Protein backbone atom coordinates (compact mmCIF):
# COMPACT_ATOMS: atom_id res chain seq x y z
CA MET A 1 -144.94 -43.90 -11.09
CA ALA A 2 -144.78 -44.38 -7.30
CA LYS A 3 -141.42 -42.59 -7.12
CA LYS A 4 -142.84 -39.59 -8.99
CA LEU A 5 -145.81 -39.47 -6.66
CA ILE A 6 -143.60 -39.59 -3.57
CA LEU A 7 -141.32 -36.90 -5.00
CA ALA A 8 -144.32 -34.70 -5.82
CA ALA A 9 -145.70 -35.18 -2.29
CA LEU A 10 -142.33 -34.25 -0.74
CA ILE A 11 -142.06 -31.14 -2.91
CA PHE A 12 -145.64 -30.19 -2.03
CA LEU A 13 -144.95 -30.58 1.70
CA PHE A 14 -141.75 -28.55 1.42
CA VAL A 15 -143.50 -25.71 -0.42
CA LEU A 16 -146.44 -25.83 2.00
CA ASN A 17 -144.05 -25.65 4.94
CA MET A 18 -142.29 -22.62 3.49
CA ALA A 19 -145.55 -20.84 2.64
CA ALA A 20 -147.24 -21.21 6.03
CA PRO A 21 -145.34 -18.44 7.83
CA ALA A 22 -145.81 -16.09 4.88
CA TYR A 23 -149.59 -16.41 4.96
CA CYS A 24 -150.23 -16.97 8.66
CA GLY A 25 -147.81 -14.72 10.49
CA ASP A 26 -148.42 -15.17 14.19
CA SER A 27 -151.40 -17.48 13.75
CA VAL A 28 -149.02 -20.45 13.55
CA LYS A 29 -147.60 -19.51 16.95
CA LYS A 30 -151.16 -19.19 18.30
CA LEU A 31 -151.95 -22.68 17.01
CA GLY A 32 -148.77 -24.12 18.54
CA ARG A 33 -149.45 -22.35 21.83
CA GLY A 34 -152.95 -23.84 21.85
CA PHE A 35 -151.70 -27.39 21.28
CA CYS A 36 -149.00 -26.90 23.90
CA ASN A 37 -151.59 -25.76 26.45
CA ILE A 38 -153.82 -28.73 25.66
CA PHE A 39 -151.03 -31.28 26.06
CA THR A 40 -149.41 -29.72 29.14
CA CYS A 41 -152.54 -28.86 31.12
CA VAL A 42 -152.22 -32.06 33.19
CA PHE A 43 -148.93 -30.81 34.66
CA GLU A 44 -150.71 -27.93 36.40
CA LEU A 45 -152.08 -30.24 39.10
CA PRO A 46 -148.74 -31.45 40.53
CA LEU A 47 -147.15 -28.03 40.02
CA GLN A 48 -149.80 -26.17 42.01
CA MET A 49 -149.80 -28.81 44.74
CA SER A 50 -146.01 -28.55 44.98
CA ARG A 51 -146.11 -24.76 45.20
CA ILE A 52 -148.76 -24.82 47.94
CA ASN A 53 -146.84 -27.56 49.77
CA ASN A 54 -143.65 -25.47 49.77
CA ALA A 55 -145.49 -22.35 50.94
CA ASP A 56 -148.08 -23.69 53.39
CA GLY A 57 -147.39 -27.37 54.07
CA PRO A 58 -148.81 -30.74 53.10
CA MET A 59 -152.33 -30.27 54.50
CA ALA A 60 -152.83 -27.15 52.42
CA ALA A 61 -151.35 -28.91 49.40
CA GLY A 62 -153.81 -31.79 49.76
CA SER A 63 -156.79 -29.45 49.90
CA TRP A 64 -156.20 -25.98 48.48
CA GLY A 65 -153.35 -27.12 46.20
CA LEU A 66 -155.52 -29.86 44.72
CA LEU A 67 -158.38 -27.43 44.04
CA LYS A 68 -156.07 -24.80 42.59
CA GLY A 69 -154.37 -27.42 40.41
CA LEU A 70 -157.69 -28.68 39.07
CA GLY A 71 -158.78 -25.12 38.38
CA MET A 72 -155.59 -24.23 36.53
CA THR A 73 -155.79 -27.49 34.59
CA CYS A 74 -159.26 -26.52 33.38
CA VAL A 75 -158.13 -22.97 32.58
CA ARG A 76 -155.10 -24.10 30.55
CA LEU A 77 -157.18 -26.72 28.69
CA THR A 78 -159.96 -24.24 27.89
CA VAL A 79 -157.55 -21.58 26.67
CA GLY A 80 -155.69 -24.17 24.60
CA LEU A 81 -158.89 -25.36 22.94
CA TYR A 82 -159.95 -21.76 22.28
CA GLU A 83 -156.61 -20.92 20.66
CA VAL A 84 -156.64 -24.03 18.47
CA VAL A 85 -160.16 -23.35 17.24
CA THR A 86 -159.63 -19.61 16.64
CA PHE A 87 -156.01 -19.63 15.45
CA PRO A 88 -156.70 -17.94 12.07
CA ILE A 89 -158.56 -15.05 13.77
CA PRO A 90 -156.30 -12.23 15.07
CA PHE A 91 -158.13 -11.95 18.39
CA PRO A 92 -157.02 -10.96 21.01
CA LYS A 93 -155.21 -8.08 19.38
CA LYS A 94 -152.47 -9.32 17.02
CA TYR A 95 -152.66 -12.96 18.22
CA SER A 96 -151.47 -12.04 21.72
CA PRO A 97 -151.59 -14.85 24.30
CA ILE A 98 -154.44 -15.11 26.78
CA LEU A 99 -152.28 -16.77 29.44
CA THR A 100 -149.30 -14.47 29.81
CA ASP A 101 -147.56 -15.66 32.95
CA PRO A 102 -146.30 -17.99 31.55
CA GLU A 103 -147.34 -18.17 27.91
CA PHE A 104 -146.17 -21.80 27.71
CA PHE A 105 -146.20 -24.18 30.68
CA PHE A 106 -142.53 -25.13 30.55
CA GLU A 107 -141.37 -21.49 30.66
CA GLN A 108 -141.85 -21.46 34.43
CA GLU A 109 -138.66 -20.90 36.35
CA ASN A 110 -139.62 -22.12 39.79
CA TRP A 111 -141.12 -25.59 39.76
């Protein structure tokens, strides 16, 4: 009985996995993008401080870089939460990303 139940659960998960893209289209990508933004928002702080340090020096990095990093952390977290909550709704137009440069945190070329 337990083997049949496990087999049925595996078949159900396989079918569910295959059906998700057919029903959701780009909403699955919107959901993934939202989770990615939530989990990677903490990396904005050191990234922004590093960028400001390279451009303007350590004093600017400790002040302006810290503030910019905290701001971008909040922005990425807020956008991520919004995209997770509203992933089935095709807004903005056709599930387009709100943060476009970059869409995902780890797409950045210059760290």
